[in-house]
Amino acid sequence: MPEVPRQTDDVNWIPVVGALGLVVTTGDKLSQRAEWDAFKVARLRVIRIAARSDQSVWDTVQLLGGPWQRIVQFVAGSGPGSWLAVIDGAGALRMRTPSP
C-alpha cells in the first residue's frame, strides 16, 4: 500500500488507513494506549482474528474466506468506525469493546 510503507509504526499507519475508510484485519489486540487512542481518533474499523499463536497463514485465509460474505454483511451493517469485531477460530464474528 503506497500510502503506508511496510514496518510503519501503528500510531502512524492507523490515521492513514482510517482516513481511507478501509477495514483492518489483524491479530493485534490494540493493547497499547497509543494504539487505542489512534484507533478512536481515526475512527478505524477493525476485525481482530482471535486465533492460535501457531496458526498458519493458510489457516487464517480459510478462517476469513469461509464466512467472507457474512463478514462483508457485518461490515456494511456496522456503520462507520471506530469499532472492533473479533472473529474466533470457529468463524463466529462478534462486536467487542477493546481496552488498553
N, C-alpha and C. Protein backbone atom coordinates (compact mmCIF):
# COMPACT_ATOMS: atom_id res chain seq x y z
N MET A 1 0.85 -1.16 0.00
CA MET A 1 0.00 0.00 0.00
C MET A 1 0.90 1.23 0.00
N PRO A 2 0.90 2.01 -1.05
CA PRO A 2 1.86 3.13 -1.16
C PRO A 2 1.72 4.18 -0.06
N GLU A 3 0.52 4.36 0.47
CA GLU A 3 0.33 5.39 1.50
C GLU A 3 0.98 5.02 2.82
N VAL A 4 1.21 3.72 3.02
CA VAL A 4 1.77 3.23 4.29
C VAL A 4 2.87 2.21 3.99
N PRO A 5 4.13 2.62 4.04
CA PRO A 5 5.21 1.66 3.79
C PRO A 5 5.24 0.56 4.85
N ARG A 6 5.79 -0.59 4.49
CA ARG A 6 5.95 -1.69 5.45
C ARG A 6 6.75 -1.21 6.66
N GLN A 7 6.46 -1.80 7.78
CA GLN A 7 7.14 -1.52 9.05
C GLN A 7 6.81 -0.14 9.62
N THR A 8 5.76 0.50 9.13
CA THR A 8 5.33 1.79 9.70
C THR A 8 4.74 1.53 11.07
N ASP A 9 5.10 2.36 12.05
CA ASP A 9 4.56 2.21 13.40
C ASP A 9 3.04 2.34 13.38
N ASP A 10 2.39 1.58 14.27
CA ASP A 10 0.93 1.57 14.33
C ASP A 10 0.33 2.97 14.44
N VAL A 11 0.87 3.78 15.31
CA VAL A 11 0.29 5.11 15.52
C VAL A 11 0.42 5.99 14.28
N ASN A 12 1.28 5.61 13.34
CA ASN A 12 1.42 6.37 12.09
C ASN A 12 0.55 5.84 10.96
N TRP A 13 0.33 4.52 10.88
CA TRP A 13 -0.49 4.00 9.79
C TRP A 13 -1.98 4.03 10.12
N ILE A 14 -2.34 3.96 11.38
CA ILE A 14 -3.76 3.93 11.76
C ILE A 14 -4.53 5.15 11.23
N PRO A 15 -4.01 6.38 11.39
CA PRO A 15 -4.76 7.53 10.85
C PRO A 15 -4.91 7.50 9.33
N VAL A 16 -3.89 7.01 8.64
CA VAL A 16 -3.94 6.95 7.18
C VAL A 16 -5.02 5.96 6.73
N VAL A 17 -5.02 4.78 7.31
CA VAL A 17 -5.99 3.75 6.94
C VAL A 17 -7.40 4.18 7.33
N GLY A 18 -7.53 4.81 8.50
CA GLY A 18 -8.85 5.32 8.91
C GLY A 18 -9.38 6.35 7.94
N ALA A 19 -8.51 7.26 7.47
CA ALA A 19 -8.93 8.30 6.53
C ALA A 19 -9.35 7.71 5.18
N LEU A 20 -8.76 6.58 4.81
CA LEU A 20 -9.12 5.92 3.56
C LEU A 20 -10.41 5.10 3.68
N GLY A 21 -10.91 4.93 4.91
CA GLY A 21 -12.15 4.20 5.13
C GLY A 21 -12.03 2.69 5.00
N LEU A 22 -10.81 2.19 5.11
CA LEU A 22 -10.58 0.75 4.97
C LEU A 22 -10.91 0.02 6.26
N VAL A 23 -11.12 -1.28 6.15
CA VAL A 23 -11.31 -2.14 7.31
C VAL A 23 -10.02 -2.92 7.50
N VAL A 24 -9.53 -2.98 8.72
CA VAL A 24 -8.28 -3.66 9.04
C VAL A 24 -8.58 -5.05 9.60
N THR A 25 -7.85 -6.05 9.11
CA THR A 25 -7.88 -7.37 9.75
C THR A 25 -6.52 -7.56 10.39
N THR A 26 -6.51 -7.99 11.64
CA THR A 26 -5.26 -8.10 12.38
C THR A 26 -5.37 -9.13 13.49
N GLY A 27 -4.25 -9.58 13.96
CA GLY A 27 -4.20 -10.42 15.14
C GLY A 27 -3.85 -9.60 16.37
N ASP A 28 -3.55 -8.33 16.16
CA ASP A 28 -3.15 -7.42 17.23
C ASP A 28 -4.34 -7.12 18.14
N LYS A 29 -4.09 -7.04 19.43
CA LYS A 29 -5.17 -6.79 20.40
C LYS A 29 -5.38 -5.31 20.69
N LEU A 30 -4.63 -4.42 20.03
CA LEU A 30 -4.72 -2.97 20.31
C LEU A 30 -4.60 -2.72 21.81
N SER A 31 -3.58 -3.31 22.41
CA SER A 31 -3.46 -3.26 23.86
C SER A 31 -2.63 -2.07 24.36
N GLN A 32 -1.96 -1.37 23.49
CA GLN A 32 -1.16 -0.22 23.91
C GLN A 32 -2.02 1.04 23.90
N ARG A 33 -1.84 1.88 24.88
CA ARG A 33 -2.64 3.11 25.00
C ARG A 33 -2.54 3.97 23.74
N ALA A 34 -1.34 4.12 23.17
CA ALA A 34 -1.17 4.96 21.98
C ALA A 34 -1.94 4.38 20.79
N GLU A 35 -1.93 3.04 20.65
CA GLU A 35 -2.69 2.40 19.56
C GLU A 35 -4.19 2.65 19.75
N TRP A 36 -4.65 2.45 20.96
CA TRP A 36 -6.07 2.61 21.27
C TRP A 36 -6.52 4.04 21.00
N ASP A 37 -5.72 5.01 21.42
CA ASP A 37 -6.06 6.41 21.18
C ASP A 37 -6.11 6.71 19.68
N ALA A 38 -5.12 6.21 18.93
CA ALA A 38 -5.09 6.42 17.48
C ALA A 38 -6.30 5.76 16.82
N PHE A 39 -6.65 4.56 17.28
CA PHE A 39 -7.80 3.81 16.77
C PHE A 39 -9.08 4.64 16.92
N LYS A 40 -9.28 5.23 18.09
CA LYS A 40 -10.50 6.01 18.34
C LYS A 40 -10.52 7.29 17.50
N VAL A 41 -9.42 8.01 17.47
CA VAL A 41 -9.36 9.27 16.72
C VAL A 41 -9.56 9.04 15.23
N ALA A 42 -8.96 7.97 14.70
CA ALA A 42 -9.04 7.68 13.26
C ALA A 42 -10.36 7.03 12.86
N ARG A 43 -11.19 6.69 13.85
CA ARG A 43 -12.47 6.03 13.60
C ARG A 43 -12.25 4.76 12.77
N LEU A 44 -11.24 4.01 13.17
CA LEU A 44 -10.84 2.81 12.47
C LEU A 44 -11.83 1.68 12.69
N ARG A 45 -12.03 0.88 11.65
CA ARG A 45 -12.86 -0.32 11.71
C ARG A 45 -11.92 -1.52 11.66
N VAL A 46 -12.01 -2.38 12.68
CA VAL A 46 -11.04 -3.46 12.82
C VAL A 46 -11.76 -4.79 13.04
N ILE A 47 -11.29 -5.81 12.33
CA ILE A 47 -11.68 -7.19 12.61
C ILE A 47 -10.43 -7.88 13.13
N ARG A 48 -10.47 -8.24 14.41
CA ARG A 48 -9.33 -8.92 15.04
C ARG A 48 -9.53 -10.41 14.92
N ILE A 49 -8.48 -11.07 14.47
CA ILE A 49 -8.51 -12.52 14.32
C ILE A 49 -8.01 -13.14 15.62
N ALA A 50 -8.91 -13.75 16.36
CA ALA A 50 -8.55 -14.40 17.62
C ALA A 50 -8.20 -15.84 17.29
N ALA A 51 -6.95 -16.06 16.96
CA ALA A 51 -6.52 -17.38 16.52
C ALA A 51 -5.37 -17.88 17.39
N ARG A 52 -5.08 -19.13 17.20
CA ARG A 52 -3.95 -19.71 17.92
C ARG A 52 -2.66 -19.02 17.49
N SER A 53 -1.70 -18.94 18.39
CA SER A 53 -0.43 -18.29 18.05
C SER A 53 0.34 -19.08 17.00
N ASP A 54 0.08 -20.38 16.88
CA ASP A 54 0.79 -21.20 15.90
C ASP A 54 -0.01 -21.38 14.61
N GLN A 55 -1.04 -20.59 14.44
CA GLN A 55 -1.89 -20.74 13.25
C GLN A 55 -1.12 -20.32 12.01
N SER A 56 -1.22 -21.11 10.95
CA SER A 56 -0.52 -20.81 9.71
C SER A 56 -1.27 -19.74 8.92
N VAL A 57 -0.58 -19.18 7.93
CA VAL A 57 -1.22 -18.20 7.06
C VAL A 57 -2.40 -18.86 6.34
N TRP A 58 -2.25 -20.09 5.90
CA TRP A 58 -3.33 -20.79 5.21
C TRP A 58 -4.54 -20.96 6.13
N ASP A 59 -4.31 -21.30 7.40
CA ASP A 59 -5.42 -21.42 8.35
C ASP A 59 -6.16 -20.09 8.48
N THR A 60 -5.40 -19.00 8.49
CA THR A 60 -6.02 -17.68 8.61
C THR A 60 -6.83 -17.35 7.37
N VAL A 61 -6.31 -17.68 6.19
CA VAL A 61 -7.05 -17.45 4.95
C VAL A 61 -8.36 -18.23 4.97
N GLN A 62 -8.30 -19.48 5.40
CA GLN A 62 -9.52 -20.29 5.48
C GLN A 62 -10.51 -19.72 6.50
N LEU A 63 -9.99 -19.23 7.62
CA LEU A 63 -10.85 -18.66 8.65
C LEU A 63 -11.62 -17.46 8.12
N LEU A 64 -10.95 -16.61 7.35
CA LEU A 64 -11.61 -15.42 6.80
C LEU A 64 -12.42 -15.74 5.55
N GLY A 65 -11.93 -16.67 4.74
CA GLY A 65 -12.59 -16.98 3.46
C GLY A 65 -13.90 -17.71 3.62
N GLY A 66 -13.99 -18.60 4.59
CA GLY A 66 -15.22 -19.36 4.79
C GLY A 66 -16.43 -18.47 5.01
N PRO A 67 -16.38 -17.59 5.99
CA PRO A 67 -17.55 -16.73 6.25
C PRO A 67 -17.44 -15.35 5.58
N TRP A 68 -16.72 -15.25 4.46
CA TRP A 68 -16.43 -13.93 3.87
C TRP A 68 -17.71 -13.12 3.60
N GLN A 69 -18.73 -13.73 3.05
CA GLN A 69 -19.95 -12.99 2.76
C GLN A 69 -20.58 -12.46 4.05
N ARG A 70 -20.53 -13.25 5.10
CA ARG A 70 -21.05 -12.80 6.41
C ARG A 70 -20.22 -11.63 6.94
N ILE A 71 -18.90 -11.67 6.73
CA ILE A 71 -18.02 -10.58 7.17
C ILE A 71 -18.38 -9.30 6.41
N VAL A 72 -18.57 -9.41 5.10
CA VAL A 72 -18.93 -8.25 4.28
C VAL A 72 -20.25 -7.65 4.77
N GLN A 73 -21.23 -8.49 5.04
CA GLN A 73 -22.52 -8.01 5.53
C GLN A 73 -22.38 -7.36 6.91
N PHE A 74 -21.55 -7.95 7.76
CA PHE A 74 -21.31 -7.41 9.09
C PHE A 74 -20.71 -6.01 9.00
N VAL A 75 -19.69 -5.86 8.15
CA VAL A 75 -19.04 -4.56 7.98
C VAL A 75 -20.04 -3.54 7.46
N ALA A 76 -20.82 -3.92 6.45
CA ALA A 76 -21.80 -2.99 5.87
C ALA A 76 -22.85 -2.55 6.89
N GLY A 77 -23.21 -3.45 7.79
CA GLY A 77 -24.24 -3.14 8.78
C GLY A 77 -23.73 -2.52 10.07
N SER A 78 -22.43 -2.42 10.20
CA SER A 78 -21.85 -1.93 11.47
C SER A 78 -21.57 -0.44 11.47
N GLY A 79 -21.77 0.21 10.36
CA GLY A 79 -21.62 1.66 10.31
C GLY A 79 -20.17 2.11 10.35
N PRO A 80 -20.01 3.43 10.46
CA PRO A 80 -18.67 3.99 10.48
C PRO A 80 -17.94 3.61 11.76
N GLY A 81 -16.64 3.80 11.77
CA GLY A 81 -15.85 3.48 12.96
C GLY A 81 -15.97 4.59 13.98
N SER A 82 -15.38 4.39 15.08
CA SER A 82 -14.48 3.29 15.36
C SER A 82 -15.22 2.12 16.00
N TRP A 83 -14.84 0.92 15.52
CA TRP A 83 -15.36 -0.29 16.14
C TRP A 83 -14.36 -1.42 15.94
N LEU A 84 -14.51 -2.41 16.82
CA LEU A 84 -13.65 -3.60 16.80
C LEU A 84 -14.55 -4.82 16.86
N ALA A 85 -14.37 -5.73 15.93
CA ALA A 85 -15.07 -7.01 15.95
C ALA A 85 -14.02 -8.10 16.04
N VAL A 86 -14.40 -9.22 16.60
CA VAL A 86 -13.48 -10.35 16.76
C VAL A 86 -14.07 -11.54 16.03
N ILE A 87 -13.23 -12.23 15.25
CA ILE A 87 -13.63 -13.48 14.63
C ILE A 87 -12.83 -14.58 15.30
N ASP A 88 -13.53 -15.59 15.82
CA ASP A 88 -12.83 -16.64 16.56
C ASP A 88 -12.49 -17.81 15.64
N GLY A 89 -11.85 -18.81 16.17
CA GLY A 89 -11.39 -19.95 15.40
C GLY A 89 -12.50 -20.73 14.72
N ALA A 90 -13.73 -20.57 15.20
CA ALA A 90 -14.87 -21.24 14.59
C ALA A 90 -15.56 -20.38 13.53
N GLY A 91 -15.06 -19.15 13.34
CA GLY A 91 -15.65 -18.26 12.35
C GLY A 91 -16.76 -17.38 12.89
N ALA A 92 -17.01 -17.43 14.22
CA ALA A 92 -18.04 -16.58 14.82
C ALA A 92 -17.51 -15.15 14.92
N LEU A 93 -18.34 -14.20 14.52
CA LEU A 93 -17.97 -12.80 14.47
C LEU A 93 -18.83 -12.04 15.47
N ARG A 94 -18.18 -11.27 16.34
CA ARG A 94 -18.94 -10.50 17.34
C ARG A 94 -18.26 -9.16 17.60
N MET A 95 -19.07 -8.18 17.93
CA MET A 95 -18.56 -6.86 18.27
C MET A 95 -17.92 -6.93 19.64
N ARG A 96 -16.86 -6.17 19.81
CA ARG A 96 -16.17 -6.17 21.10
C ARG A 96 -15.66 -4.77 21.39
N THR A 97 -15.66 -4.41 22.64
CA THR A 97 -15.10 -3.13 23.05
C THR A 97 -13.70 -3.38 23.59
N PRO A 98 -12.68 -2.94 22.86
CA PRO A 98 -11.31 -3.17 23.33
C PRO A 98 -10.96 -2.21 24.45
N SER A 99 -9.98 -2.56 25.22
CA SER A 99 -9.49 -1.65 26.25
C SER A 99 -7.97 -1.77 26.31
N PRO A 100 -7.32 -0.64 26.50
CA PRO A 100 -5.85 -0.65 26.52
C PRO A 100 -5.30 -1.29 27.76
